[in-house]
Amino acid sequence: MKSTIRLSVLCALILGLSGCGDESVVTADATSSDTSTTDTQVEDTGPAGPCDGKTDGDSCDDGDPCTLDDVCSAGECVGGSNDPCESDSTCQTGTCVAGEGCKYENAEDGTECSVTCFDVATCIEGDCKADAASAVVVQRPKRPESLAWKNCNAT
């Protein structure tokens, strides 16, 4: 019966080290007193890249949170379009910060914005707030299923 021991693993277990130099393989035959040592070369290819095993045009992630639609090209992941960092709020402006992603800043309080069914609305702490006194009154149409009637006269 043959057993194989990798000295680097044994060294790491005993000494708590991550590596102990060249890797050697020791083989022993349980029925024989003959042992032999063979040096082997191990190629370190590094971590797998985002395009390993992919073809040109396949999607990938270049690791930059500020790019969208990244694709593989000649074995490399190439960043696509810049993230526009659009906010759901008209009272916030987004900017992409390299390595961090989208960051949003509130518009200055008092900046005009719009809210359906109100004539006057302003930004307050990043939110668009309607002036209750400016509510639009929609006259009852002949067809009450009108969207304006439903949206502005909800009960």
N, C-alpha and C. Protein backbone atom coordinates (compact mmCIF):
# COMPACT_ATOMS: atom_id res chain seq x y z
N MET A 1 0.85 -1.18 0.00
CA MET A 1 0.00 0.00 0.00
C MET A 1 0.89 1.24 0.00
N LYS A 2 0.63 2.15 -0.89
CA LYS A 2 1.44 3.36 -0.98
C LYS A 2 0.70 4.50 -0.32
N SER A 3 1.43 5.37 0.34
CA SER A 3 0.82 6.57 0.89
C SER A 3 1.66 7.76 0.45
N THR A 4 1.02 8.86 0.20
CA THR A 4 1.70 10.06 -0.26
C THR A 4 1.48 11.16 0.75
N ILE A 5 2.56 11.84 1.12
CA ILE A 5 2.48 12.94 2.07
C ILE A 5 3.10 14.16 1.42
N ARG A 6 2.41 15.23 1.37
CA ARG A 6 2.95 16.48 0.85
C ARG A 6 3.59 17.22 2.02
N LEU A 7 4.91 17.42 1.93
CA LEU A 7 5.64 18.03 3.02
C LEU A 7 5.19 19.45 3.33
N SER A 8 4.76 20.19 2.31
CA SER A 8 4.33 21.56 2.57
C SER A 8 3.09 21.59 3.44
N VAL A 9 2.18 20.65 3.23
CA VAL A 9 0.97 20.59 4.05
C VAL A 9 1.34 20.17 5.46
N LEU A 10 2.20 19.17 5.59
CA LEU A 10 2.64 18.71 6.89
C LEU A 10 3.35 19.84 7.64
N CYS A 11 4.21 20.56 6.96
CA CYS A 11 4.93 21.68 7.56
C CYS A 11 3.95 22.75 8.03
N ALA A 12 2.94 23.04 7.20
CA ALA A 12 1.94 24.06 7.55
C ALA A 12 1.15 23.65 8.77
N LEU A 13 0.81 22.37 8.86
CA LEU A 13 0.04 21.90 10.01
C LEU A 13 0.86 21.94 11.29
N ILE A 14 2.11 21.54 11.20
CA ILE A 14 2.95 21.49 12.39
C ILE A 14 3.37 22.88 12.84
N LEU A 15 3.81 23.71 11.90
CA LEU A 15 4.35 25.01 12.26
C LEU A 15 3.34 26.15 12.12
N GLY A 16 2.18 25.87 11.55
CA GLY A 16 1.18 26.92 11.39
C GLY A 16 1.56 27.93 10.32
N LEU A 17 2.36 27.53 9.37
CA LEU A 17 2.79 28.42 8.31
C LEU A 17 1.97 28.14 7.06
N SER A 18 1.88 29.16 6.18
CA SER A 18 1.13 28.97 4.95
C SER A 18 1.95 28.29 3.87
N GLY A 19 3.23 28.26 3.96
CA GLY A 19 4.07 27.62 2.95
C GLY A 19 5.46 27.41 3.50
N CYS A 20 6.13 26.35 3.06
CA CYS A 20 7.45 26.03 3.59
C CYS A 20 8.47 25.87 2.49
N GLY A 21 8.29 26.50 1.37
CA GLY A 21 9.28 26.41 0.31
C GLY A 21 8.82 25.48 -0.79
N ASP A 22 9.81 24.82 -1.48
CA ASP A 22 9.49 23.93 -2.59
C ASP A 22 8.64 22.77 -2.10
N GLU A 23 7.76 22.33 -2.96
CA GLU A 23 6.90 21.23 -2.61
C GLU A 23 7.60 19.93 -2.97
N SER A 24 7.61 18.97 -2.07
CA SER A 24 8.19 17.66 -2.34
C SER A 24 7.13 16.63 -2.03
N VAL A 25 7.16 15.53 -2.77
CA VAL A 25 6.24 14.44 -2.54
C VAL A 25 7.06 13.25 -2.10
N VAL A 26 6.67 12.65 -0.98
CA VAL A 26 7.36 11.47 -0.48
C VAL A 26 6.40 10.30 -0.64
N THR A 27 6.89 9.24 -1.27
CA THR A 27 6.06 8.05 -1.43
C THR A 27 6.70 6.91 -0.66
N ALA A 28 5.89 6.17 0.02
CA ALA A 28 6.41 5.04 0.77
C ALA A 28 5.57 3.81 0.46
N ASP A 29 6.22 2.71 0.27
CA ASP A 29 5.54 1.44 0.04
C ASP A 29 5.53 0.72 1.37
N ALA A 30 4.37 0.36 1.86
CA ALA A 30 4.26 -0.28 3.18
C ALA A 30 4.93 -1.64 3.20
N THR A 31 5.10 -2.27 2.06
CA THR A 31 5.73 -3.60 2.02
C THR A 31 7.23 -3.51 1.79
N SER A 32 7.75 -2.29 1.60
CA SER A 32 9.17 -2.14 1.28
C SER A 32 9.76 -1.05 2.15
N SER A 33 11.03 -1.09 2.37
CA SER A 33 11.71 -0.05 3.13
C SER A 33 12.21 1.05 2.22
N ASP A 34 11.99 0.92 0.90
CA ASP A 34 12.45 1.90 -0.07
C ASP A 34 11.52 3.11 -0.09
N THR A 35 12.08 4.29 0.07
CA THR A 35 11.32 5.53 -0.08
C THR A 35 12.02 6.38 -1.12
N SER A 36 11.24 7.16 -1.83
CA SER A 36 11.85 8.04 -2.81
C SER A 36 11.22 9.41 -2.68
N THR A 37 11.98 10.42 -3.06
CA THR A 37 11.50 11.80 -2.99
C THR A 37 11.53 12.38 -4.40
N THR A 38 10.45 13.04 -4.78
CA THR A 38 10.37 13.64 -6.10
C THR A 38 10.02 15.11 -5.93
N ASP A 39 10.82 16.00 -6.52
CA ASP A 39 10.49 17.43 -6.51
C ASP A 39 9.50 17.70 -7.63
N THR A 40 8.51 18.53 -7.33
CA THR A 40 7.55 18.91 -8.35
C THR A 40 7.47 20.41 -8.42
N GLN A 41 7.19 20.91 -9.58
CA GLN A 41 6.99 22.34 -9.78
C GLN A 41 5.49 22.59 -9.87
N VAL A 42 5.00 23.51 -9.08
CA VAL A 42 3.58 23.85 -9.10
C VAL A 42 3.47 25.26 -9.64
N GLU A 43 2.70 25.41 -10.73
CA GLU A 43 2.53 26.73 -11.34
C GLU A 43 1.39 27.45 -10.64
N ASP A 44 1.68 28.66 -10.15
CA ASP A 44 0.66 29.47 -9.50
C ASP A 44 0.03 30.34 -10.57
N THR A 45 -1.20 30.02 -10.92
CA THR A 45 -1.88 30.78 -11.95
C THR A 45 -2.67 31.94 -11.36
N GLY A 46 -2.69 32.05 -10.05
CA GLY A 46 -3.42 33.13 -9.40
C GLY A 46 -4.91 32.86 -9.39
N PRO A 47 -5.67 33.78 -8.87
CA PRO A 47 -7.11 33.58 -8.80
C PRO A 47 -7.74 33.66 -10.19
N ALA A 48 -8.86 32.99 -10.33
CA ALA A 48 -9.57 33.02 -11.61
C ALA A 48 -10.05 34.42 -11.91
N GLY A 49 -9.90 34.85 -13.15
CA GLY A 49 -10.35 36.18 -13.56
C GLY A 49 -11.82 36.15 -13.92
N PRO A 50 -12.46 37.31 -14.00
CA PRO A 50 -13.88 37.35 -14.30
C PRO A 50 -14.22 36.87 -15.71
N CYS A 51 -13.22 36.73 -16.59
CA CYS A 51 -13.48 36.29 -17.97
C CYS A 51 -12.91 34.91 -18.25
N ASP A 52 -12.39 34.22 -17.22
CA ASP A 52 -11.88 32.87 -17.44
C ASP A 52 -13.01 31.97 -17.92
N GLY A 53 -12.80 31.31 -19.04
CA GLY A 53 -13.79 30.40 -19.59
C GLY A 53 -14.91 31.10 -20.34
N LYS A 54 -14.82 32.40 -20.53
CA LYS A 54 -15.86 33.14 -21.24
C LYS A 54 -15.34 33.63 -22.58
N THR A 55 -16.25 33.95 -23.48
CA THR A 55 -15.87 34.45 -24.78
C THR A 55 -16.13 35.95 -24.86
N ASP A 56 -15.56 36.59 -25.87
CA ASP A 56 -15.77 38.03 -26.07
C ASP A 56 -17.26 38.34 -26.14
N GLY A 57 -17.67 39.37 -25.43
CA GLY A 57 -19.06 39.79 -25.42
C GLY A 57 -19.86 39.23 -24.27
N ASP A 58 -19.32 38.21 -23.57
CA ASP A 58 -20.02 37.68 -22.39
C ASP A 58 -19.98 38.71 -21.27
N SER A 59 -21.01 38.71 -20.45
CA SER A 59 -21.04 39.67 -19.34
C SER A 59 -20.08 39.24 -18.24
N CYS A 60 -19.59 40.23 -17.50
CA CYS A 60 -18.66 40.00 -16.40
C CYS A 60 -18.80 41.16 -15.43
N ASP A 61 -18.01 41.15 -14.37
CA ASP A 61 -18.00 42.25 -13.41
C ASP A 61 -16.56 42.70 -13.25
N ASP A 62 -16.27 43.94 -13.66
CA ASP A 62 -14.89 44.44 -13.58
C ASP A 62 -14.52 44.90 -12.17
N GLY A 63 -15.45 44.80 -11.22
CA GLY A 63 -15.17 45.17 -9.84
C GLY A 63 -15.35 46.65 -9.56
N ASP A 64 -15.65 47.44 -10.57
CA ASP A 64 -15.85 48.88 -10.38
C ASP A 64 -17.35 49.14 -10.27
N PRO A 65 -17.83 49.58 -9.10
CA PRO A 65 -19.27 49.80 -8.94
C PRO A 65 -19.81 50.95 -9.79
N CYS A 66 -18.95 51.71 -10.43
CA CYS A 66 -19.40 52.85 -11.24
C CYS A 66 -19.61 52.50 -12.71
N THR A 67 -19.40 51.22 -13.09
CA THR A 67 -19.63 50.84 -14.48
C THR A 67 -20.75 49.81 -14.56
N LEU A 68 -21.50 49.88 -15.64
CA LEU A 68 -22.61 48.96 -15.89
C LEU A 68 -22.33 48.21 -17.19
N ASP A 69 -22.97 47.09 -17.37
CA ASP A 69 -22.89 46.33 -18.62
C ASP A 69 -21.45 45.98 -19.00
N ASP A 70 -20.64 45.52 -18.03
CA ASP A 70 -19.26 45.12 -18.30
C ASP A 70 -19.26 43.87 -19.18
N VAL A 71 -18.29 43.77 -20.10
CA VAL A 71 -18.19 42.62 -21.00
C VAL A 71 -16.74 42.15 -21.12
N CYS A 72 -16.60 40.90 -21.48
CA CYS A 72 -15.27 40.33 -21.73
C CYS A 72 -14.79 40.72 -23.12
N SER A 73 -13.53 41.11 -23.20
CA SER A 73 -12.91 41.45 -24.47
C SER A 73 -11.45 41.03 -24.41
N ALA A 74 -11.07 40.11 -25.29
CA ALA A 74 -9.70 39.60 -25.35
C ALA A 74 -9.24 39.07 -23.99
N GLY A 75 -10.13 38.38 -23.28
CA GLY A 75 -9.79 37.76 -22.01
C GLY A 75 -9.83 38.69 -20.81
N GLU A 76 -10.12 39.95 -21.03
CA GLU A 76 -10.19 40.93 -19.94
C GLU A 76 -11.62 41.43 -19.78
N CYS A 77 -11.99 41.78 -18.55
CA CYS A 77 -13.31 42.36 -18.30
C CYS A 77 -13.20 43.88 -18.46
N VAL A 78 -13.99 44.41 -19.38
CA VAL A 78 -13.93 45.83 -19.71
C VAL A 78 -15.20 46.51 -19.19
N GLY A 79 -15.00 47.60 -18.45
CA GLY A 79 -16.13 48.34 -17.89
C GLY A 79 -17.00 48.92 -18.99
N GLY A 80 -18.31 48.85 -18.77
CA GLY A 80 -19.26 49.38 -19.75
C GLY A 80 -19.57 50.84 -19.46
N SER A 81 -20.83 51.19 -19.62
CA SER A 81 -21.25 52.58 -19.43
C SER A 81 -21.16 52.98 -17.96
N ASN A 82 -21.03 54.28 -17.73
CA ASN A 82 -20.97 54.80 -16.37
C ASN A 82 -22.36 54.77 -15.74
N ASP A 83 -22.42 54.42 -14.47
CA ASP A 83 -23.68 54.41 -13.73
C ASP A 83 -24.14 55.85 -13.54
N PRO A 84 -25.33 56.21 -14.04
CA PRO A 84 -25.78 57.60 -13.90
C PRO A 84 -26.24 57.95 -12.48
N CYS A 85 -26.37 56.95 -11.62
CA CYS A 85 -26.76 57.16 -10.22
C CYS A 85 -28.03 58.00 -10.11
N GLU A 86 -29.03 57.59 -10.85
CA GLU A 86 -30.30 58.31 -10.79
C GLU A 86 -31.05 57.95 -9.52
N SER A 87 -31.65 58.94 -8.92
CA SER A 87 -32.41 58.76 -7.70
C SER A 87 -33.90 58.70 -8.02
N ASP A 88 -34.66 58.03 -7.19
CA ASP A 88 -36.11 58.02 -7.34
C ASP A 88 -36.69 59.38 -6.95
N SER A 89 -35.93 60.16 -6.22
CA SER A 89 -36.39 61.47 -5.76
C SER A 89 -35.80 62.58 -6.63
N THR A 90 -36.65 63.50 -7.07
CA THR A 90 -36.15 64.65 -7.83
C THR A 90 -35.38 65.59 -6.92
N CYS A 91 -35.41 65.33 -5.64
CA CYS A 91 -34.72 66.20 -4.67
C CYS A 91 -33.38 65.62 -4.22
N GLN A 92 -32.85 64.67 -4.99
CA GLN A 92 -31.54 64.12 -4.70
C GLN A 92 -30.74 64.01 -5.99
N THR A 93 -29.45 64.29 -5.89
CA THR A 93 -28.54 64.18 -7.02
C THR A 93 -27.53 63.10 -6.71
N GLY A 94 -27.35 62.18 -7.67
CA GLY A 94 -26.42 61.08 -7.46
C GLY A 94 -25.12 61.28 -8.20
N THR A 95 -24.03 60.82 -7.59
CA THR A 95 -22.70 60.85 -8.18
C THR A 95 -22.04 59.52 -7.86
N CYS A 96 -21.35 58.95 -8.83
CA CYS A 96 -20.66 57.70 -8.57
C CYS A 96 -19.25 57.99 -8.09
N VAL A 97 -18.90 57.41 -6.94
CA VAL A 97 -17.59 57.57 -6.34
C VAL A 97 -16.80 56.28 -6.59
N ALA A 98 -15.66 56.41 -7.25
CA ALA A 98 -14.85 55.23 -7.59
C ALA A 98 -14.59 54.37 -6.35
N GLY A 99 -14.82 53.07 -6.50
CA GLY A 99 -14.57 52.13 -5.42
C GLY A 99 -15.68 52.06 -4.39
N GLU A 100 -16.63 52.99 -4.43
CA GLU A 100 -17.70 53.01 -3.43
C GLU A 100 -19.08 52.85 -4.04
N GLY A 101 -19.30 53.38 -5.23
CA GLY A 101 -20.62 53.32 -5.86
C GLY A 101 -21.34 54.64 -5.75
N CYS A 102 -22.65 54.59 -5.93
CA CYS A 102 -23.46 55.82 -5.95
C CYS A 102 -23.61 56.44 -4.57
N LYS A 103 -23.43 57.72 -4.52
CA LYS A 103 -23.64 58.52 -3.31
C LYS A 103 -24.63 59.61 -3.68
N TYR A 104 -25.57 59.89 -2.80
CA TYR A 104 -26.63 60.85 -3.10
C TYR A 104 -26.56 62.03 -2.14
N GLU A 105 -26.80 63.20 -2.70
CA GLU A 105 -26.86 64.43 -1.91
C GLU A 105 -28.23 65.05 -2.09
N ASN A 106 -28.76 65.58 -1.01
CA ASN A 106 -30.06 66.24 -1.07
C ASN A 106 -29.93 67.59 -1.77
N ALA A 107 -30.97 67.90 -2.56
CA ALA A 107 -31.03 69.23 -3.17
C ALA A 107 -31.25 70.24 -2.03
N GLU A 108 -30.89 71.46 -2.30
CA GLU A 108 -31.05 72.51 -1.29
C GLU A 108 -32.53 72.65 -0.93
N ASP A 109 -32.81 72.74 0.38
CA ASP A 109 -34.19 72.94 0.81
C ASP A 109 -34.77 74.17 0.12
N GLY A 110 -36.01 74.05 -0.35
CA GLY A 110 -36.67 75.15 -1.04
C GLY A 110 -36.59 75.04 -2.56
N THR A 111 -35.79 74.09 -3.06
CA THR A 111 -35.71 73.88 -4.51
C THR A 111 -37.07 73.39 -5.00
N GLU A 112 -37.55 73.97 -6.10
CA GLU A 112 -38.85 73.56 -6.65
C GLU A 112 -38.80 72.14 -7.17
N CYS A 113 -39.91 71.43 -6.99
CA CYS A 113 -40.07 70.08 -7.51
C CYS A 113 -41.55 69.92 -7.86
N SER A 114 -41.97 68.74 -8.26
CA SER A 114 -43.39 68.60 -8.60
C SER A 114 -43.99 67.35 -7.97
N VAL A 115 -45.23 67.50 -7.54
CA VAL A 115 -46.01 66.41 -6.99
C VAL A 115 -47.35 66.42 -7.73
N THR A 116 -47.75 65.26 -8.22
CA THR A 116 -49.01 65.16 -8.95
C THR A 116 -50.15 65.72 -8.11
N CYS A 117 -50.99 66.51 -8.74
CA CYS A 117 -52.21 67.09 -8.16
C CYS A 117 -51.94 68.29 -7.24
N PHE A 118 -50.72 68.83 -7.26
CA PHE A 118 -50.41 70.03 -6.49
C PHE A 118 -49.68 71.02 -7.39
N ASP A 119 -50.00 72.30 -7.23
CA ASP A 119 -49.34 73.33 -8.03
C ASP A 119 -47.99 73.71 -7.46
N VAL A 120 -47.80 73.58 -6.16
CA VAL A 120 -46.57 74.02 -5.51
C VAL A 120 -46.00 72.88 -4.66
N ALA A 121 -44.70 72.63 -4.87
CA ALA A 121 -43.98 71.63 -4.07
C ALA A 121 -42.52 72.05 -4.01
N THR A 122 -41.89 71.77 -2.88
CA THR A 122 -40.47 72.10 -2.71
C THR A 122 -39.73 70.94 -2.04
N CYS A 123 -38.43 70.93 -2.26
CA CYS A 123 -37.58 69.92 -1.64
C CYS A 123 -37.33 70.29 -0.18
N ILE A 124 -37.50 69.31 0.68
CA ILE A 124 -37.20 69.46 2.10
C ILE A 124 -36.49 68.18 2.54
N GLU A 125 -35.24 68.32 2.94
CA GLU A 125 -34.41 67.20 3.39
C GLU A 125 -34.42 66.03 2.41
N GLY A 126 -34.33 66.33 1.12
CA GLY A 126 -34.22 65.28 0.11
C GLY A 126 -35.54 64.73 -0.39
N ASP A 127 -36.66 65.18 0.16
CA ASP A 127 -37.98 64.72 -0.29
C ASP A 127 -38.76 65.89 -0.87
N CYS A 128 -39.57 65.58 -1.87
CA CYS A 128 -40.42 66.59 -2.49
C CYS A 128 -41.72 66.65 -1.70
N LYS A 129 -41.98 67.78 -1.08
CA LYS A 129 -43.17 67.96 -0.24
C LYS A 129 -44.12 68.95 -0.91
N ALA A 130 -45.37 68.55 -1.01
CA ALA A 130 -46.38 69.41 -1.63
C ALA A 130 -46.92 70.41 -0.61
N ASP A 131 -47.25 71.59 -1.11
CA ASP A 131 -47.93 72.61 -0.30
C ASP A 131 -49.41 72.25 -0.34
N ALA A 132 -49.96 71.84 0.80
CA ALA A 132 -51.35 71.37 0.87
C ALA A 132 -52.33 72.41 0.33
N ALA A 133 -52.02 73.68 0.51
CA ALA A 133 -52.92 74.74 0.05
C ALA A 133 -52.96 74.84 -1.48
N SER A 134 -52.01 74.17 -2.15
CA SER A 134 -51.97 74.27 -3.62
C SER A 134 -52.58 73.07 -4.32
N ALA A 135 -53.39 72.28 -3.58
CA ALA A 135 -54.00 71.09 -4.18
C ALA A 135 -54.84 71.48 -5.39
N VAL A 136 -54.71 70.71 -6.44
CA VAL A 136 -55.45 70.95 -7.67
C VAL A 136 -56.85 70.35 -7.49
N VAL A 137 -57.85 71.15 -7.80
CA VAL A 137 -59.23 70.65 -7.74
C VAL A 137 -59.63 70.33 -9.17
N VAL A 138 -59.95 69.08 -9.40
CA VAL A 138 -60.34 68.64 -10.73
C VAL A 138 -61.86 68.53 -10.74
N GLN A 139 -62.47 69.22 -11.68
CA GLN A 139 -63.92 69.18 -11.81
C GLN A 139 -64.34 67.78 -12.23
N ARG A 140 -65.45 67.35 -11.68
CA ARG A 140 -65.95 66.00 -12.00
C ARG A 140 -66.23 65.95 -13.50
N PRO A 141 -65.55 65.03 -14.18
CA PRO A 141 -65.76 64.90 -15.63
C PRO A 141 -67.04 64.11 -15.93
N LYS A 142 -67.42 64.16 -17.19
CA LYS A 142 -68.58 63.39 -17.60
C LYS A 142 -68.29 61.89 -17.45
N ARG A 143 -67.00 61.56 -17.59
CA ARG A 143 -66.58 60.16 -17.43
C ARG A 143 -65.75 60.09 -16.14
N PRO A 144 -66.31 59.69 -15.01
CA PRO A 144 -65.60 59.68 -13.73
C PRO A 144 -64.40 58.74 -13.67
N GLU A 145 -64.23 57.88 -14.69
CA GLU A 145 -63.06 57.00 -14.68
C GLU A 145 -61.80 57.72 -15.16
N SER A 146 -61.90 59.00 -15.42
CA SER A 146 -60.76 59.80 -15.86
C SER A 146 -59.62 59.69 -14.85
N LEU A 147 -58.38 59.52 -15.35
CA LEU A 147 -57.22 59.38 -14.47
C LEU A 147 -57.02 60.61 -13.60
N ALA A 148 -57.17 61.79 -14.15
CA ALA A 148 -56.98 63.00 -13.34
C ALA A 148 -57.98 63.02 -12.20
N TRP A 149 -59.21 62.64 -12.46
CA TRP A 149 -60.23 62.61 -11.41
C TRP A 149 -59.85 61.59 -10.35
N LYS A 150 -59.43 60.40 -10.77
CA LYS A 150 -59.07 59.35 -9.83
C LYS A 150 -57.83 59.72 -9.02
N ASN A 151 -56.83 60.26 -9.68
CA ASN A 151 -55.56 60.56 -9.00
C ASN A 151 -55.68 61.72 -8.02
N CYS A 152 -56.40 62.75 -8.38
CA CYS A 152 -56.41 63.95 -7.55
C CYS A 152 -57.61 64.02 -6.59
N ASN A 153 -58.57 63.16 -6.75
CA ASN A 153 -59.75 63.19 -5.88
C ASN A 153 -59.94 61.84 -5.22
N ALA A 154 -58.84 61.19 -4.86
CA ALA A 154 -58.95 59.89 -4.21
C ALA A 154 -59.60 60.04 -2.85
N THR A 155 -60.42 59.07 -2.51
CA THR A 155 -61.08 59.12 -1.19
C THR A 155 -60.44 58.13 -0.27
